[in-house]
Amino acid sequence: KEAQDLGYAEADPSADVDGYDASYK
């Protein structure tokens, strides 16, 4: 929630927290 409030995480954070973003990279 803090990451979302600061704009680091999206409202739907799944791309980041579920590892999709890192798997692309």
PDB file of all heavy atoms in Angstrom:
ATOM      1  N   LYS A   1       0.833  -1.205   0.000  1.00  0.00           N
ATOM      2  CA  LYS A   1       0.000   0.000   0.000  1.00  0.00           C
ATOM      3  C   LYS A   1       0.866   1.253   0.000  1.00  0.00           C
ATOM      4  O   LYS A   1       0.572   2.224  -0.711  1.00  0.00           O
ATOM      5  CB  LYS A   1      -0.939   0.022   1.199  1.00  0.00           C
ATOM      6  CG  LYS A   1      -1.903   1.215   1.180  1.00  0.00           C
ATOM      7  CD  LYS A   1      -2.861   1.209   2.348  1.00  0.00           C
ATOM      8  CE  LYS A   1      -3.880   2.356   2.211  1.00  0.00           C
ATOM      9  NZ  LYS A   1      -3.242   3.678   2.050  1.00  0.00           N
ATOM     10  N   GLU A   2       1.948   1.233   0.771  1.00  0.00           N
ATOM     11  CA  GLU A   2       2.845   2.384   0.788  1.00  0.00           C
ATOM     12  C   GLU A   2       3.475   2.595  -0.583  1.00  0.00           C
ATOM     13  O   GLU A   2       3.600   3.729  -1.057  1.00  0.00           O
ATOM     14  CB  GLU A   2       3.935   2.176   1.838  1.00  0.00           C
ATOM     15  CG  GLU A   2       4.857   3.379   2.006  1.00  0.00           C
ATOM     16  CD  GLU A   2       5.811   3.212   3.175  1.00  0.00           C
ATOM     17  OE1 GLU A   2       5.378   2.719   4.234  1.00  0.00           O
ATOM     18  OE2 GLU A   2       6.993   3.588   3.018  1.00  0.00           O
ATOM     19  N   ALA A   3       3.872   1.499  -1.233  1.00  0.00           N
ATOM     20  CA  ALA A   3       4.444   1.598  -2.579  1.00  0.00           C
ATOM     21  C   ALA A   3       3.427   2.171  -3.561  1.00  0.00           C
ATOM     22  O   ALA A   3       3.770   2.971  -4.444  1.00  0.00           O
ATOM     23  CB  ALA A   3       4.924   0.227  -3.045  1.00  0.00           C
ATOM     24  N   GLN A   4       2.168   1.784  -3.410  1.00  0.00           N
ATOM     25  CA  GLN A   4       1.110   2.318  -4.279  1.00  0.00           C
ATOM     26  C   GLN A   4       0.887   3.803  -4.007  1.00  0.00           C
ATOM     27  O   GLN A   4       0.734   4.601  -4.937  1.00  0.00           O
ATOM     28  CB  GLN A   4      -0.180   1.530  -4.080  1.00  0.00           C
ATOM     29  CG  GLN A   4      -0.126   0.122  -4.644  1.00  0.00           C
ATOM     30  CD  GLN A   4      -1.327  -0.719  -4.268  1.00  0.00           C
ATOM     31  OE1 GLN A   4      -1.816  -0.650  -3.137  1.00  0.00           O
ATOM     32  NE2 GLN A   4      -1.822  -1.518  -5.209  1.00  0.00           N
ATOM     33  N   ASP A   5       0.879   4.192  -2.731  1.00  0.00           N
ATOM     34  CA  ASP A   5       0.663   5.590  -2.367  1.00  0.00           C
ATOM     35  C   ASP A   5       1.770   6.489  -2.923  1.00  0.00           C
ATOM     36  O   ASP A   5       1.522   7.652  -3.280  1.00  0.00           O
ATOM     37  CB  ASP A   5       0.601   5.750  -0.841  1.00  0.00           C
ATOM     38  CG  ASP A   5      -0.652   5.135  -0.234  1.00  0.00           C
ATOM     39  OD1 ASP A   5      -1.612   4.869  -0.999  1.00  0.00           O
ATOM     40  OD2 ASP A   5      -0.668   4.895   0.984  1.00  0.00           O
ATOM     41  N   LEU A   6       2.989   5.942  -3.007  1.00  0.00           N
ATOM     42  CA  LEU A   6       4.132   6.716  -3.501  1.00  0.00           C
ATOM     43  C   LEU A   6       4.276   6.654  -5.027  1.00  0.00           C
ATOM     44  O   LEU A   6       5.144   7.302  -5.592  1.00  0.00           O
ATOM     45  CB  LEU A   6       5.428   6.212  -2.851  1.00  0.00           C
ATOM     46  CG  LEU A   6       5.558   6.490  -1.346  1.00  0.00           C
ATOM     47  CD1 LEU A   6       6.757   5.753  -0.774  1.00  0.00           C
ATOM     48  CD2 LEU A   6       5.690   7.991  -1.099  1.00  0.00           C
ATOM     49  N   GLY A   7       3.426   5.864  -5.665  1.00  0.00           N
ATOM     50  CA  GLY A   7       3.484   5.767  -7.120  1.00  0.00           C
ATOM     51  C   GLY A   7       4.459   4.733  -7.642  1.00  0.00           C
ATOM     52  O   GLY A   7       4.650   4.603  -8.850  1.00  0.00           O
ATOM     53  N   TYR A   8       5.083   3.938  -6.756  1.00  0.00           N
ATOM     54  CA  TYR A   8       5.991   2.885  -7.205  1.00  0.00           C
ATOM     55  C   TYR A   8       5.213   1.694  -7.759  1.00  0.00           C
ATOM     56  O   TYR A   8       5.694   0.995  -8.654  1.00  0.00           O
ATOM     57  CB  TYR A   8       6.883   2.404  -6.049  1.00  0.00           C
ATOM     58  CG  TYR A   8       7.901   3.416  -5.585  1.00  0.00           C
ATOM     59  CD1 TYR A   8       8.100   3.654  -4.229  1.00  0.00           C
ATOM     60  CD2 TYR A   8       8.670   4.137  -6.488  1.00  0.00           C
ATOM     61  CE1 TYR A   8       9.032   4.571  -3.780  1.00  0.00           C
ATOM     62  CE2 TYR A   8       9.609   5.065  -6.062  1.00  0.00           C
ATOM     63  CZ  TYR A   8       9.786   5.282  -4.707  1.00  0.00           C
ATOM     64  OH  TYR A   8      10.710   6.195  -4.278  1.00  0.00           O
ATOM     65  N   ALA A   9       4.043   1.437  -7.186  1.00  0.00           N
ATOM     66  CA  ALA A   9       3.223   0.304  -7.608  1.00  0.00           C
ATOM     67  C   ALA A   9       1.915   0.805  -8.196  1.00  0.00           C
ATOM     68  O   ALA A   9       1.360   1.805  -7.743  1.00  0.00           O
ATOM     69  CB  ALA A   9       2.954  -0.630  -6.431  1.00  0.00           C
ATOM     70  N   GLU A  10       1.420   0.093  -9.195  1.00  0.00           N
ATOM     71  CA  GLU A  10       0.153   0.430  -9.827  1.00  0.00           C
ATOM     72  C   GLU A  10      -1.016  -0.007  -8.928  1.00  0.00           C
ATOM     73  O   GLU A  10      -0.849  -0.784  -7.978  1.00  0.00           O
ATOM     74  CB  GLU A  10       0.034  -0.287 -11.173  1.00  0.00           C
ATOM     75  CG  GLU A  10       1.127   0.056 -12.170  1.00  0.00           C
ATOM     76  CD  GLU A  10       1.031   1.482 -12.696  1.00  0.00           C
ATOM     77  OE1 GLU A  10      -0.072   2.072 -12.611  1.00  0.00           O
ATOM     78  OE2 GLU A  10       2.055   1.995 -13.184  1.00  0.00           O
ATOM     79  N   ALA A  11      -2.216   0.492  -9.247  1.00  0.00           N
ATOM     80  CA  ALA A  11      -3.414   0.057  -8.523  1.00  0.00           C
ATOM     81  C   ALA A  11      -3.568  -1.458  -8.634  1.00  0.00           C
ATOM     82  O   ALA A  11      -3.936  -2.139  -7.681  1.00  0.00           O
ATOM     83  CB  ALA A  11      -4.636   0.769  -9.078  1.00  0.00           C
ATOM     84  N   ASP A  12      -3.299  -2.001  -9.829  1.00  0.00           N
ATOM     85  CA  ASP A  12      -3.185  -3.444 -10.013  1.00  0.00           C
ATOM     86  C   ASP A  12      -1.697  -3.766 -10.081  1.00  0.00           C
ATOM     87  O   ASP A  12      -1.055  -3.577 -11.114  1.00  0.00           O
ATOM     88  CB  ASP A  12      -3.870  -3.891 -11.304  1.00  0.00           C
ATOM     89  CG  ASP A  12      -3.698  -5.388 -11.567  1.00  0.00           C
ATOM     90  OD1 ASP A  12      -3.071  -6.075 -10.728  1.00  0.00           O
ATOM     91  OD2 ASP A  12      -4.180  -5.865 -12.607  1.00  0.00           O
ATOM     92  N   PRO A  13      -1.105  -4.253  -8.980  1.00  0.00           N
ATOM     93  CA  PRO A  13       0.350  -4.409  -8.922  1.00  0.00           C
ATOM     94  C   PRO A  13       0.857  -5.739  -9.449  1.00  0.00           C
ATOM     95  O   PRO A  13       2.041  -6.054  -9.311  1.00  0.00           O
ATOM     96  CB  PRO A  13       0.615  -4.310  -7.417  1.00  0.00           C
ATOM     97  CG  PRO A  13      -0.585  -4.959  -6.805  1.00  0.00           C
ATOM     98  CD  PRO A  13      -1.756  -4.595  -7.706  1.00  0.00           C
ATOM     99  N   SER A  14      -0.010  -6.542 -10.058  1.00  0.00           N
ATOM    100  CA  SER A  14       0.353  -7.918 -10.388  1.00  0.00           C
ATOM    101  C   SER A  14       1.562  -8.025 -11.310  1.00  0.00           C
ATOM    102  O   SER A  14       2.364  -8.958 -11.163  1.00  0.00           O
ATOM    103  CB  SER A  14      -0.846  -8.652 -11.000  1.00  0.00           C
ATOM    104  OG  SER A  14      -1.325  -7.982 -12.140  1.00  0.00           O
ATOM    105  N   ALA A  15       1.716  -7.113 -12.257  1.00  0.00           N
ATOM    106  CA  ALA A  15       2.863  -7.191 -13.171  1.00  0.00           C
ATOM    107  C   ALA A  15       4.175  -7.181 -12.404  1.00  0.00           C
ATOM    108  O   ALA A  15       5.137  -7.870 -12.775  1.00  0.00           O
ATOM    109  CB  ALA A  15       2.826  -6.039 -14.169  1.00  0.00           C
ATOM    110  N   ASP A  16       4.213  -6.406 -11.330  1.00  0.00           N
ATOM    111  CA  ASP A  16       5.429  -6.318 -10.518  1.00  0.00           C
ATOM    112  C   ASP A  16       5.499  -7.430  -9.479  1.00  0.00           C
ATOM    113  O   ASP A  16       6.443  -8.219  -9.454  1.00  0.00           O
ATOM    114  CB  ASP A  16       5.497  -4.961  -9.806  1.00  0.00           C
ATOM    115  CG  ASP A  16       5.669  -3.798 -10.773  1.00  0.00           C
ATOM    116  OD1 ASP A  16       6.450  -3.934 -11.728  1.00  0.00           O
ATOM    117  OD2 ASP A  16       5.019  -2.767 -10.568  1.00  0.00           O
ATOM    118  N   VAL A  17       4.490  -7.511  -8.606  1.00  0.00           N
ATOM    119  CA  VAL A  17       4.592  -8.401  -7.445  1.00  0.00           C
ATOM    120  C   VAL A  17       4.481  -9.877  -7.814  1.00  0.00           C
ATOM    121  O   VAL A  17       4.954 -10.741  -7.068  1.00  0.00           O
ATOM    122  CB  VAL A  17       3.561  -8.040  -6.357  1.00  0.00           C
ATOM    123  CG1 VAL A  17       3.768  -6.613  -5.879  1.00  0.00           C
ATOM    124  CG2 VAL A  17       2.132  -8.246  -6.844  1.00  0.00           C
ATOM    125  N   ASP A  18       3.879 -10.187  -8.955  1.00  0.00           N
ATOM    126  CA  ASP A  18       3.791 -11.584  -9.391  1.00  0.00           C
ATOM    127  C   ASP A  18       4.954 -11.982 -10.302  1.00  0.00           C
ATOM    128  O   ASP A  18       4.976 -13.104 -10.825  1.00  0.00           O
ATOM    129  CB  ASP A  18       2.466 -11.847 -10.107  1.00  0.00           C
ATOM    130  CG  ASP A  18       1.287 -11.796  -9.152  1.00  0.00           C
ATOM    131  OD1 ASP A  18       1.497 -11.970  -7.937  1.00  0.00           O
ATOM    132  OD2 ASP A  18       0.150 -11.550  -9.612  1.00  0.00           O
ATOM    133  N   GLY A  19       5.887 -11.053 -10.539  1.00  0.00           N
ATOM    134  CA  GLY A  19       7.110 -11.391 -11.252  1.00  0.00           C
ATOM    135  C   GLY A  19       7.059 -11.306 -12.763  1.00  0.00           C
ATOM    136  O   GLY A  19       8.042 -11.646 -13.438  1.00  0.00           O
ATOM    137  N   TYR A  20       5.935 -10.830 -13.341  1.00  0.00           N
ATOM    138  CA  TYR A  20       5.854 -10.760 -14.801  1.00  0.00           C
ATOM    139  C   TYR A  20       6.876  -9.776 -15.379  1.00  0.00           C
ATOM    140  O   TYR A  20       7.581 -10.088 -16.347  1.00  0.00           O
ATOM    141  CB  TYR A  20       4.447 -10.350 -15.247  1.00  0.00           C
ATOM    142  CG  TYR A  20       3.393 -11.399 -15.005  1.00  0.00           C
ATOM    143  CD1 TYR A  20       2.531 -11.321 -13.914  1.00  0.00           C
ATOM    144  CD2 TYR A  20       3.272 -12.485 -15.870  1.00  0.00           C
ATOM    145  CE1 TYR A  20       1.567 -12.301 -13.683  1.00  0.00           C
ATOM    146  CE2 TYR A  20       2.306 -13.461 -15.650  1.00  0.00           C
ATOM    147  CZ  TYR A  20       1.468 -13.363 -14.554  1.00  0.00           C
ATOM    148  OH  TYR A  20       0.519 -14.334 -14.327  1.00  0.00           O
ATOM    149  N   ASP A  21       6.955  -8.583 -14.791  1.00  0.00           N
ATOM    150  CA  ASP A  21       7.890  -7.567 -15.276  1.00  0.00           C
ATOM    151  C   ASP A  21       9.325  -8.102 -15.276  1.00  0.00           C
ATOM    152  O   ASP A  21      10.051  -7.975 -16.264  1.00  0.00           O
ATOM    153  CB  ASP A  21       7.782  -6.321 -14.389  1.00  0.00           C
ATOM    154  CG  ASP A  21       8.779  -5.240 -14.752  1.00  0.00           C
ATOM    155  OD1 ASP A  21       8.501  -4.469 -15.700  1.00  0.00           O
ATOM    156  OD2 ASP A  21       9.833  -5.148 -14.095  1.00  0.00           O
ATOM    157  N   ALA A  22       9.720  -8.722 -14.176  1.00  0.00           N
ATOM    158  CA  ALA A  22      11.080  -9.258 -14.085  1.00  0.00           C
ATOM    159  C   ALA A  22      11.299 -10.404 -15.067  1.00  0.00           C
ATOM    160  O   ALA A  22      12.400 -10.574 -15.605  1.00  0.00           O
ATOM    161  CB  ALA A  22      11.367  -9.713 -12.656  1.00  0.00           C
ATOM    162  N   SER A  23      10.264 -11.206 -15.327  1.00  0.00           N
ATOM    163  CA  SER A  23      10.425 -12.321 -16.266  1.00  0.00           C
ATOM    164  C   SER A  23      10.632 -11.828 -17.691  1.00  0.00           C
ATOM    165  O   SER A  23      11.405 -12.427 -18.453  1.00  0.00           O
ATOM    166  CB  SER A  23       9.232 -13.277 -16.189  1.00  0.00           C
ATOM    167  OG  SER A  23       8.040 -12.675 -16.643  1.00  0.00           O
ATOM    168  N   TYR A  24       9.965 -10.728 -18.086  1.00  0.00           N
ATOM    169  CA  TYR A  24      10.226 -10.141 -19.408  1.00  0.00           C
ATOM    170  C   TYR A  24      11.701  -9.759 -19.515  1.00  0.00           C
ATOM    171  O   TYR A  24      12.366 -10.034 -20.521  1.00  0.00           O
ATOM    172  CB  TYR A  24       9.372  -8.887 -19.634  1.00  0.00           C
ATOM    173  CG  TYR A  24       7.874  -9.080 -19.573  1.00  0.00           C
ATOM    174  CD1 TYR A  24       7.053  -8.060 -19.094  1.00  0.00           C
ATOM    175  CD2 TYR A  24       7.279 -10.256 -19.994  1.00  0.00           C
ATOM    176  CE1 TYR A  24       5.672  -8.214 -19.031  1.00  0.00           C
ATOM    177  CE2 TYR A  24       5.898 -10.420 -19.934  1.00  0.00           C
ATOM    178  CZ  TYR A  24       5.103  -9.393 -19.443  1.00  0.00           C
ATOM    179  OH  TYR A  24       3.742  -9.560 -19.369  1.00  0.00           O
ATOM    180  N   LYS A  25      12.190  -9.112 -18.478  1.00  0.00           N
ATOM    181  CA  LYS A  25      13.558  -8.595 -18.510  1.00  0.00           C
ATOM    182  C   LYS A  25      14.597  -9.709 -18.518  1.00  0.00           C
ATOM    183  O   LYS A  25      15.573  -9.652 -19.284  1.00  0.00           O
ATOM    184  CB  LYS A  25      13.782  -7.658 -17.314  1.00  0.00           C
ATOM    185  CG  LYS A  25      12.941  -6.395 -17.362  1.00  0.00           C
ATOM    186  CD  LYS A  25      13.005  -5.612 -16.065  1.00  0.00           C
ATOM    187  CE  LYS A  25      12.112  -4.391 -16.095  1.00  0.00           C
ATOM    188  NZ  LYS A  25      12.065  -3.676 -14.804  1.00  0.00           N
TER     189      LYS A  25
END
